[in-house]
PDB file of N, CA and C in Angstrom:
ATOM      1  N   MET A   1     116.888  79.930  17.598  1.00  0.00           N
ATOM      2  CA  MET A   1     117.284  79.482  18.785  1.00  0.00           C
ATOM      3  C   MET A   1     118.775  78.734  18.680  1.00  0.00           C
ATOM      4  N   ARG A   2     119.625  79.187  19.535  1.00  0.00           N
ATOM      5  CA  ARG A   2     120.960  78.191  19.677  1.00  0.00           C
ATOM      6  C   ARG A   2     121.342  77.763  21.084  1.00  0.00           C
ATOM      7  N   GLN A   3     121.947  76.671  21.065  1.00  0.00           N
ATOM      8  CA  GLN A   3     122.171  76.062  22.182  1.00  0.00           C
ATOM      9  C   GLN A   3     123.590  76.425  22.880  1.00  0.00           C
ATOM     10  N   LYS A   4     123.637  77.779  22.935  1.00  0.00           N
ATOM     11  CA  LYS A   4     124.783  78.231  23.575  1.00  0.00           C
ATOM     12  C   LYS A   4     124.493  79.335  24.847  1.00  0.00           C
ATOM     13  N   PRO A   5     124.907  78.954  25.855  1.00  0.00           N
ATOM     14  CA  PRO A   5     124.393  79.702  27.095  1.00  0.00           C
ATOM     15  C   PRO A   5     124.594  81.145  27.149  1.00  0.00           C
ATOM     16  N   CYS A   6     123.872  81.986  27.705  1.00  0.00           N
ATOM     17  CA  CYS A   6     124.061  83.661  27.786  1.00  0.00           C
ATOM     18  C   CYS A   6     125.333  83.860  28.752  1.00  0.00           C
ATOM     19  N   TYR A   7     125.952  84.688  28.254  1.00  0.00           N
ATOM     20  CA  TYR A   7     127.337  85.353  28.939  1.00  0.00           C
ATOM     21  C   TYR A   7     126.850  85.623  30.434  1.00  0.00           C
ATOM     22  N   PHE A   8     125.625  86.269  30.326  1.00  0.00           N
ATOM     23  CA  PHE A   8     125.220  86.861  31.784  1.00  0.00           C
ATOM     24  C   PHE A   8     124.601  85.974  32.795  1.00  0.00           C
ATOM     25  N   CYS A   9     123.365  85.376  32.392  1.00  0.00           N
ATOM     26  CA  CYS A   9     122.698  84.661  33.368  1.00  0.00           C
ATOM     27  C   CYS A   9     122.906  82.959  33.019  1.00  0.00           C
ATOM     28  N   GLY A  10     123.529  82.678  32.079  1.00  0.00           N
ATOM     29  CA  GLY A  10     123.635  81.412  31.830  1.00  0.00           C
ATOM     30  C   GLY A  10     122.385  80.521  31.082  1.00  0.00           C
ATOM     31  N   HIS A  11     121.454  81.296  30.711  1.00  0.00           N
ATOM     32  CA  HIS A  11     120.177  80.424  30.180  1.00  0.00           C
ATOM     33  C   HIS A  11     120.613  79.557  28.937  1.00  0.00           C
ATOM     34  N   LYS A  12     120.233  78.656  28.953  1.00  0.00           N
ATOM     35  CA  LYS A  12     120.817  77.462  28.017  1.00  0.00           C
ATOM     36  C   LYS A  12     120.516  78.132  26.596  1.00  0.00           C
ATOM     37  N   GLU A  13     119.573  78.787  26.154  1.00  0.00           N
ATOM     38  CA  GLU A  13     119.332  79.034  24.765  1.00  0.00           C
ATOM     39  C   GLU A  13     119.500  80.399  24.583  1.00  0.00           C
ATOM     40  N   THR A  14     120.044  81.030  23.460  1.00  0.00           N
ATOM     41  CA  THR A  14     120.083  82.429  22.990  1.00  0.00           C
ATOM     42  C   THR A  14     119.565  82.421  21.756  1.00  0.00           C
ATOM     43  N   ILE A  15     119.591  83.758  21.330  1.00  0.00           N
ATOM     44  CA  ILE A  15     118.983  83.838  19.602  1.00  0.00           C
ATOM     45  C   ILE A  15     119.883  84.842  19.169  1.00  0.00           C
ATOM     46  N   ARG A  16     120.440  84.060  18.098  1.00  0.00           N
ATOM     47  CA  ARG A  16     121.537  84.979  17.251  1.00  0.00           C
ATOM     48  C   ARG A  16     120.462  85.686  16.027  1.00  0.00           C
ATOM     49  N   PHE A  17     121.251  87.031  15.902  1.00  0.00           N
ATOM     50  CA  PHE A  17     120.232  87.928  14.947  1.00  0.00           C
ATOM     51  C   PHE A  17     121.181  88.933  14.226  1.00  0.00           C
ATOM     52  N   ALA A  18     120.820  89.470  13.140  1.00  0.00           N
ATOM     53  CA  ALA A  18     121.707  90.454  12.606  1.00  0.00           C
ATOM     54  C   ALA A  18     123.163  90.165  12.381  1.00  0.00           C
ATOM     55  N   GLU A  19     123.452  88.975  12.153  1.00  0.00           N
ATOM     56  CA  GLU A  19     124.479  88.189  11.915  1.00  0.00           C
ATOM     57  C   GLU A  19     125.474  87.967  13.238  1.00  0.00           C
ATOM     58  N   HIS A  20     125.624  88.977  13.948  1.00  0.00           N
ATOM     59  CA  HIS A  20     126.478  88.808  15.186  1.00  0.00           C
ATOM     60  C   HIS A  20     126.008  89.157  16.421  1.00  0.00           C
ATOM     61  N   TRP A  21     124.629  89.594  16.508  1.00  0.00           N
ATOM     62  CA  TRP A  21     124.199  90.038  17.760  1.00  0.00           C
ATOM     63  C   TRP A  21     123.678  88.959  18.351  1.00  0.00           C
ATOM     64  N   ILE A  22     123.602  88.648  19.711  1.00  0.00           N
ATOM     65  CA  ILE A  22     123.103  87.563  20.591  1.00  0.00           C
ATOM     66  C   ILE A  22     121.902  88.530  21.546  1.00  0.00           C
ATOM     67  N   PHE A  23     120.716  87.717  21.560  1.00  0.00           N
ATOM     68  CA  PHE A  23     119.709  88.101  22.567  1.00  0.00           C
ATOM     69  C   PHE A  23     119.332  86.888  23.588  1.00  0.00           C
ATOM     70  N   CYS A  24     119.230  87.292  24.690  1.00  0.00           N
ATOM     71  CA  CYS A  24     118.884  86.298  25.859  1.00  0.00           C
ATOM     72  C   CYS A  24     117.492  86.312  26.027  1.00  0.00           C
ATOM     73  N   PRO A  25     116.560  85.482  25.933  1.00  0.00           N
ATOM     74  CA  PRO A  25     115.195  85.609  26.151  1.00  0.00           C
ATOM     75  C   PRO A  25     114.850  85.547  27.602  1.00  0.00           C
ATOM     76  N   GLU A  26     115.952  85.080  28.429  1.00  0.00           N
ATOM     77  CA  GLU A  26     115.594  85.127  29.883  1.00  0.00           C
ATOM     78  C   GLU A  26     115.941  86.561  30.373  1.00  0.00           C
ATOM     79  N   CYS A  27     116.935  87.073  30.152  1.00  0.00           N
ATOM     80  CA  CYS A  27     117.403  88.300  30.989  1.00  0.00           C
ATOM     81  C   CYS A  27     117.289  89.683  29.923  1.00  0.00           C
ATOM     82  N   ALA A  28     117.249  89.378  28.861  1.00  0.00           N
ATOM     83  CA  ALA A  28     117.182  90.405  27.980  1.00  0.00           C
ATOM     84  C   ALA A  28     118.564  91.162  27.460  1.00  0.00           C
ATOM     85  N   ALA A  29     119.375  90.686  27.806  1.00  0.00           N
ATOM     86  CA  ALA A  29     120.702  91.159  27.389  1.00  0.00           C
ATOM     87  C   ALA A  29     120.779  90.877  25.677  1.00  0.00           C
ATOM     88  N   ILE A  30     121.469  92.014  25.371  1.00  0.00           N
ATOM     89  CA  ILE A  30     121.803  92.029  23.675  1.00  0.00           C
ATOM     90  C   ILE A  30     123.207  92.405  23.810  1.00  0.00           C
ATOM     91  N   TYR A  31     124.161  91.541  23.067  1.00  0.00           N
ATOM     92  CA  TYR A  31     125.474  91.516  22.971  1.00  0.00           C
ATOM     93  C   TYR A  31     126.016  91.119  21.996  1.00  0.00           C
ATOM     94  N   THR A  32     127.277  91.248  21.679  1.00  0.00           N
ATOM     95  CA  THR A  32     128.468  90.679  20.464  1.00  0.00           C
ATOM     96  C   THR A  32     129.706  90.616  20.982  1.00  0.00           C
ATOM     97  N   HIS A  33     130.333  89.853  20.343  1.00  0.00           N
ATOM     98  CA  HIS A  33     131.884  89.820  20.679  1.00  0.00           C
ATOM     99  C   HIS A  33     132.532  90.215  19.506  1.00  0.00           C
ATOM    100  N   CYS A  34     133.530  90.910  20.011  1.00  0.00           N
ATOM    101  CA  CYS A  34     134.508  91.794  19.032  1.00  0.00           C
ATOM    102  C   CYS A  34     135.723  91.410  19.479  1.00  0.00           C
ATOM    103  N   ILE A  35     136.670  92.008  18.559  1.00  0.00           N
ATOM    104  CA  ILE A  35     138.096  92.043  18.844  1.00  0.00           C
ATOM    105  C   ILE A  35     138.612  93.005  19.931  1.00  0.00           C
ATOM    106  N   VAL A  36     139.203  92.665  20.942  1.00  0.00           N
ATOM    107  CA  VAL A  36     139.487  93.576  21.925  1.00  0.00           C
ATOM    108  C   VAL A  36     140.975  94.108  21.558  1.00  0.00           C
ATOM    109  N   TRP A  37     141.021  95.317  21.280  1.00  0.00           N
ATOM    110  CA  TRP A  37     142.235  95.992  20.758  1.00  0.00           C
ATOM    111  C   TRP A  37     142.884  96.671  22.071  1.00  0.00           C
ATOM    112  N   LYS A  38     142.313  97.138  22.902  1.00  0.00           N
ATOM    113  CA  LYS A  38     142.744  97.716  23.992  1.00  0.00           C
ATOM    114  C   LYS A  38     141.900  97.443  25.378  1.00  0.00           C
ATOM    115  N   GLY A  39     142.489  96.694  26.270  1.00  0.00           N
ATOM    116  CA  GLY A  39     141.542  96.450  27.349  1.00  0.00           C
ATOM    117  C   GLY A  39     142.283  96.738  28.562  1.00  0.00           C
ATOM    118  N   CYS A  40     141.542  96.352  29.812  1.00  0.00           N
ATOM    119  CA  CYS A  40     142.167  96.549  30.999  1.00  0.00           C
ATOM    120  C   CYS A  40     142.171  95.110  31.754  1.00  0.00           C
ATOM    121  N   LYS A  41     142.257  94.993  33.028  1.00  0.00           N
ATOM    122  CA  LYS A  41     142.396  93.836  33.691  1.00  0.00           C
ATOM    123  C   LYS A  41     141.143  93.046  33.709  1.00  0.00           C
ATOM    124  N   HIS A  42     140.111  93.711  33.461  1.00  0.00           N
ATOM    125  CA  HIS A  42     138.725  92.919  33.513  1.00  0.00           C
ATOM    126  C   HIS A  42     138.401  92.717  31.947  1.00  0.00           C
ATOM    127  N   VAL A  43     138.696  93.394  30.906  1.00  0.00           N
ATOM    128  CA  VAL A  43     138.202  93.298  29.923  1.00  0.00           C
ATOM    129  C   VAL A  43     139.382  92.537  29.016  1.00  0.00           C
ATOM    130  N   LYS A  44     138.976  91.524  28.283  1.00  0.00           N
ATOM    131  CA  LYS A  44     139.984  90.761  27.562  1.00  0.00           C
ATOM    132  C   LYS A  44     139.100  89.871  26.331  1.00  0.00           C
ATOM    133  N   GLU A  45     139.774  89.197  25.490  1.00  0.00           N
ATOM    134  CA  GLU A  45     139.097  88.811  24.505  1.00  0.00           C
ATOM    135  C   GLU A  45     137.987  87.966  24.848  1.00  0.00           C
ATOM    136  N   GLY A  46     136.887  87.687  24.276  1.00  0.00           N
ATOM    137  CA  GLY A  46     135.645  87.113  24.659  1.00  0.00           C
ATOM    138  C   GLY A  46     134.869  87.983  25.605  1.00  0.00           C
ATOM    139  N   THR A  47     135.240  89.153  26.096  1.00  0.00           N
ATOM    140  CA  THR A  47     134.248  90.054  26.822  1.00  0.00           C
ATOM    141  C   THR A  47     133.380  90.630  25.731  1.00  0.00           C
ATOM    142  N   PRO A  48     132.218  90.709  25.978  1.00  0.00           N
ATOM    143  CA  PRO A  48     131.298  91.173  24.944  1.00  0.00           C
ATOM    144  C   PRO A  48     130.919  92.501  25.047  1.00  0.00           C
ATOM    145  N   VAL A  49     130.690  93.275  24.007  1.00  0.00           N
ATOM    146  CA  VAL A  49     130.243  94.642  23.724  1.00  0.00           C
ATOM    147  C   VAL A  49     128.641  94.500  24.059  1.00  0.00           C
ATOM    148  N   VAL A  50     128.016  95.326  24.875  1.00  0.00           N
ATOM    149  CA  VAL A  50     126.592  95.022  25.316  1.00  0.00           C
ATOM    150  C   VAL A  50     125.844  96.367  24.829  1.00  0.00           C
ATOM    151  N   ARG A  51     124.743  95.989  23.995  1.00  0.00           N
ATOM    152  CA  ARG A  51     123.886  96.940  23.586  1.00  0.00           C
ATOM    153  C   ARG A  51     122.695  97.141  24.260  1.00  0.00           C
ATOM    154  N   SER A  52     122.051  96.002  25.389  1.00  0.00           N
ATOM    155  CA  SER A  52     121.160  96.239  26.283  1.00  0.00           C
ATOM    156  C   SER A  52     121.607  95.250  27.310  1.00  0.00           C
ATOM    157  N   ASP A  53     121.688  96.044  28.585  1.00  0.00           N
ATOM    158  CA  ASP A  53     122.046  95.390  29.634  1.00  0.00           C
ATOM    159  C   ASP A  53     121.282  94.072  30.245  1.00  0.00           C
ATOM    160  N   CYS A  54     121.675  93.335  30.918  1.00  0.00           N
ATOM    161  CA  CYS A  54     120.904  92.234  31.350  1.00  0.00           C
ATOM    162  C   CYS A  54     119.915  92.722  32.579  1.00  0.00           C
ATOM    163  N   TRP A  55     118.903  92.054  32.650  1.00  0.00           N
ATOM    164  CA  TRP A  55     117.701  92.831  33.603  1.00  0.00           C
ATOM    165  C   TRP A  55     118.267  92.623  34.885  1.00  0.00           C
ATOM    166  N   TYR A  56     119.080  91.426  35.519  1.00  0.00           N
ATOM    167  CA  TYR A  56     119.081  91.205  36.756  1.00  0.00           C
ATOM    168  C   TYR A  56     120.629  91.922  37.114  1.00  0.00           C
ATOM    169  N   LYS A  57     120.257  92.637  38.035  1.00  0.00           N
ATOM    170  CA  LYS A  57     121.254  93.625  38.565  1.00  0.00           C
ATOM    171  C   LYS A  57     122.585  92.853  39.197  1.00  0.00           C
ATOM    172  N   ASP A  58     122.065  91.889  40.164  1.00  0.00           N
ATOM    173  CA  ASP A  58     122.955  90.993  40.764  1.00  0.00           C
ATOM    174  C   ASP A  58     123.991  90.181  39.674  1.00  0.00           C
ATOM    175  N   VAL A  59     123.377  89.812  38.822  1.00  0.00           N
ATOM    176  CA  VAL A  59     124.180  88.944  37.661  1.00  0.00           C
ATOM    177  C   VAL A  59     125.035  90.003  36.705  1.00  0.00           C
ATOM    178  N   ARG A  60     124.340  91.032  36.559  1.00  0.00           N
ATOM    179  CA  ARG A  60     125.149  92.119  35.677  1.00  0.00           C
ATOM    180  C   ARG A  60     126.230  92.517  36.291  1.00  0.00           C
ATOM    181  N   GLU A  61     126.212  92.901  37.539  1.00  0.00           N
ATOM    182  CA  GLU A  61     127.209  93.357  38.546  1.00  0.00           C
ATOM    183  C   GLU A  61     128.615  92.261  38.558  1.00  0.00           C
ATOM    184  N   LYS A  62     128.175  91.066  38.300  1.00  0.00           N
ATOM    185  CA  LYS A  62     129.103  89.975  38.459  1.00  0.00           C
ATOM    186  C   LYS A  62     130.183  89.926  37.266  1.00  0.00           C
ATOM    187  N   LYS A  63     129.707  90.631  36.250  1.00  0.00           N
ATOM    188  CA  LYS A  63     130.513  90.220  34.854  1.00  0.00           C
ATOM    189  C   LYS A  63     130.876  91.559  34.435  1.00  0.00           C
ATOM    190  N   ALA A  64     132.013  91.225  33.841  1.00  0.00           N
ATOM    191  CA  ALA A  64     132.887  92.481  33.217  1.00  0.00           C
ATOM    192  C   ALA A  64     132.137  92.346  31.578  1.00  0.00           C
ATOM    193  N   TYR A  65     131.853  93.743  31.143  1.00  0.00           N
ATOM    194  CA  TYR A  65     131.433  93.742  29.955  1.00  0.00           C
ATOM    195  C   TYR A  65     131.820  95.181  29.435  1.00  0.00           C
ATOM    196  N   ILE A  66     131.774  95.481  28.019  1.00  0.00           N
ATOM    197  CA  ILE A  66     132.019  96.661  27.463  1.00  0.00           C
ATOM    198  C   ILE A  66     130.976  97.224  27.374  1.00  0.00           C
ATOM    199  N   GLU A  67     130.763  98.717  27.769  1.00  0.00           N
ATOM    200  CA  GLU A  67     129.602  99.591  27.612  1.00  0.00           C
ATOM    201  C   GLU A  67     129.900 100.599  26.602  1.00  0.00           C
ATOM    202  N   GLU A  68     129.092 100.940  25.855  1.00  0.00           N
ATOM    203  CA  GLU A  68     129.241 102.087  24.860  1.00  0.00           C
ATOM    204  C   GLU A  68     128.451 103.279  25.099  1.00  0.00           C
ATOM    205  N   HIS A  69     129.269 104.405  25.292  1.00  0.00           N
ATOM    206  CA  HIS A  69     128.537 105.614  25.441  1.00  0.00           C
ATOM    207  C   HIS A  69     129.100 106.670  24.591  1.00  0.00           C
ATOM    208  N   LYS A  70     128.349 107.309  23.766  1.00  0.00           N
ATOM    209  CA  LYS A  70     128.658 108.238  22.729  1.00  0.00           C
ATOM    210  C   LYS A  70     129.438 107.492  21.632  1.00  0.00           C
ATOM    211  N   ASP A  71     130.713 108.003  21.761  1.00  0.00           N
ATOM    212  CA  ASP A  71     131.779 107.332  20.844  1.00  0.00           C
ATOM    213  C   ASP A  71     132.750 106.549  21.493  1.00  0.00           C
ATOM    214  N   ARG A  72     132.574 106.216  22.669  1.00  0.00           N
ATOM    215  CA  ARG A  72     133.596 105.706  23.454  1.00  0.00           C
ATOM    216  C   ARG A  72     132.891 104.327  24.086  1.00  0.00           C
ATOM    217  N   GLN A  73     134.178 103.422  24.377  1.00  0.00           N
ATOM    218  CA  GLN A  73     133.701 102.289  25.110  1.00  0.00           C
ATOM    219  C   GLN A  73     134.127 102.106  26.328  1.00  0.00           C
ATOM    220  N   TYR A  74     133.799 101.566  27.285  1.00  0.00           N
ATOM    221  CA  TYR A  74     134.136 101.671  28.884  1.00  0.00           C
ATOM    222  C   TYR A  74     134.098 100.123  29.343  1.00  0.00           C
ATOM    223  N   CYS A  75     134.989  99.822  30.402  1.00  0.00           N
ATOM    224  CA  CYS A  75     134.758  98.643  31.215  1.00  0.00           C
ATOM    225  C   CYS A  75     133.752  98.839  32.207  1.00  0.00           C
ATOM    226  N   SER A  76     132.886  97.815  32.345  1.00  0.00           N
ATOM    227  CA  SER A  76     131.692  97.917  33.388  1.00  0.00           C
ATOM    228  C   SER A  76     132.022  98.055  34.662  1.00  0.00           C
ATOM    229  N   VAL A  77     133.482  97.439  34.794  1.00  0.00           N
ATOM    230  CA  VAL A  77     133.962  97.355  36.355  1.00  0.00           C
ATOM    231  C   VAL A  77     134.551  98.743  36.694  1.00  0.00           C
ATOM    232  N   CYS A  78     135.613  98.884  36.188  1.00  0.00           N
ATOM    233  CA  CYS A  78     136.531 100.155  36.460  1.00  0.00           C
ATOM    234  C   CYS A  78     136.402 101.142  35.401  1.00  0.00           C
ATOM    235  N   HIS A  79     135.485 101.194  34.635  1.00  0.00           N
ATOM    236  CA  HIS A  79     135.264 102.410  33.809  1.00  0.00           C
ATOM    237  C   HIS A  79     136.451 102.859  32.971  1.00  0.00           C
ATOM    238  N   ALA A  80     137.552 102.038  32.602  1.00  0.00           N
ATOM    239  CA  ALA A  80     138.818 102.290  31.718  1.00  0.00           C
ATOM    240  C   ALA A  80     138.190 102.426  30.447  1.00  0.00           C
ATOM    241  N   VAL A  81     138.776 103.352  29.541  1.00  0.00           N
ATOM    242  CA  VAL A  81     138.526 103.347  28.338  1.00  0.00           C
ATOM    243  C   VAL A  81     139.041 102.201  27.643  1.00  0.00           C
ATOM    244  N   VAL A  82     138.237 101.339  26.863  1.00  0.00           N
ATOM    245  CA  VAL A  82     138.703 100.282  26.327  1.00  0.00           C
ATOM    246  C   VAL A  82     138.198 100.269  24.677  1.00  0.00           C
ATOM    247  N   GLU A  83     138.948  99.494  23.765  1.00  0.00           N
ATOM    248  CA  GLU A  83     138.686  99.522  22.400  1.00  0.00           C
ATOM    249  C   GLU A  83     138.369  97.999  21.959  1.00  0.00           C
ATOM    250  N   ALA A  84     137.250  97.916  21.296  1.00  0.00           N
ATOM    251  CA  ALA A  84     136.664  96.913  20.712  1.00  0.00           C
ATOM    252  C   ALA A  84     136.009  96.837  19.338  1.00  0.00           C
ATOM    253  N   ASP A  85     136.499  96.031  18.355  1.00  0.00           N
ATOM    254  CA  ASP A  85     135.861  96.249  17.071  1.00  0.00           C
ATOM    255  C   ASP A  85     136.044  94.832  16.603  1.00  0.00           C
ATOM    256  N   GLY A  86     135.478  94.998  14.986  1.00  0.00           N
ATOM    257  CA  GLY A  86     135.682  93.580  14.483  1.00  0.00           C
ATOM    258  C   GLY A  86     134.575  93.705  13.291  1.00  0.00           C
ATOM    259  N   TRP A  87     133.751  94.605  13.270  1.00  0.00           N
ATOM    260  CA  TRP A  87     133.027  94.586  11.822  1.00  0.00           C
ATOM    261  C   TRP A  87     133.174  95.694  10.912  1.00  0.00           C
TER     262      TRP A  87
END
């Protein structure tokens, strides 16, 4: 456990695993932070790449994040193609 809040729900403790992934035991979000190479007005440095969405739809819809589908990454808000990497 680490004392850093969840990006989505703000839960006080999250779990770091596999070197750079973060899991929230409250909302089940799994995400990581990468370098944003190409963003949009919603996606900027610090916007996470999500492997598993936050359970809470109302919370999830208030936050911008990077979705991965096939071999592309998209903004969760405007669906623009973005690029983030770092590993």
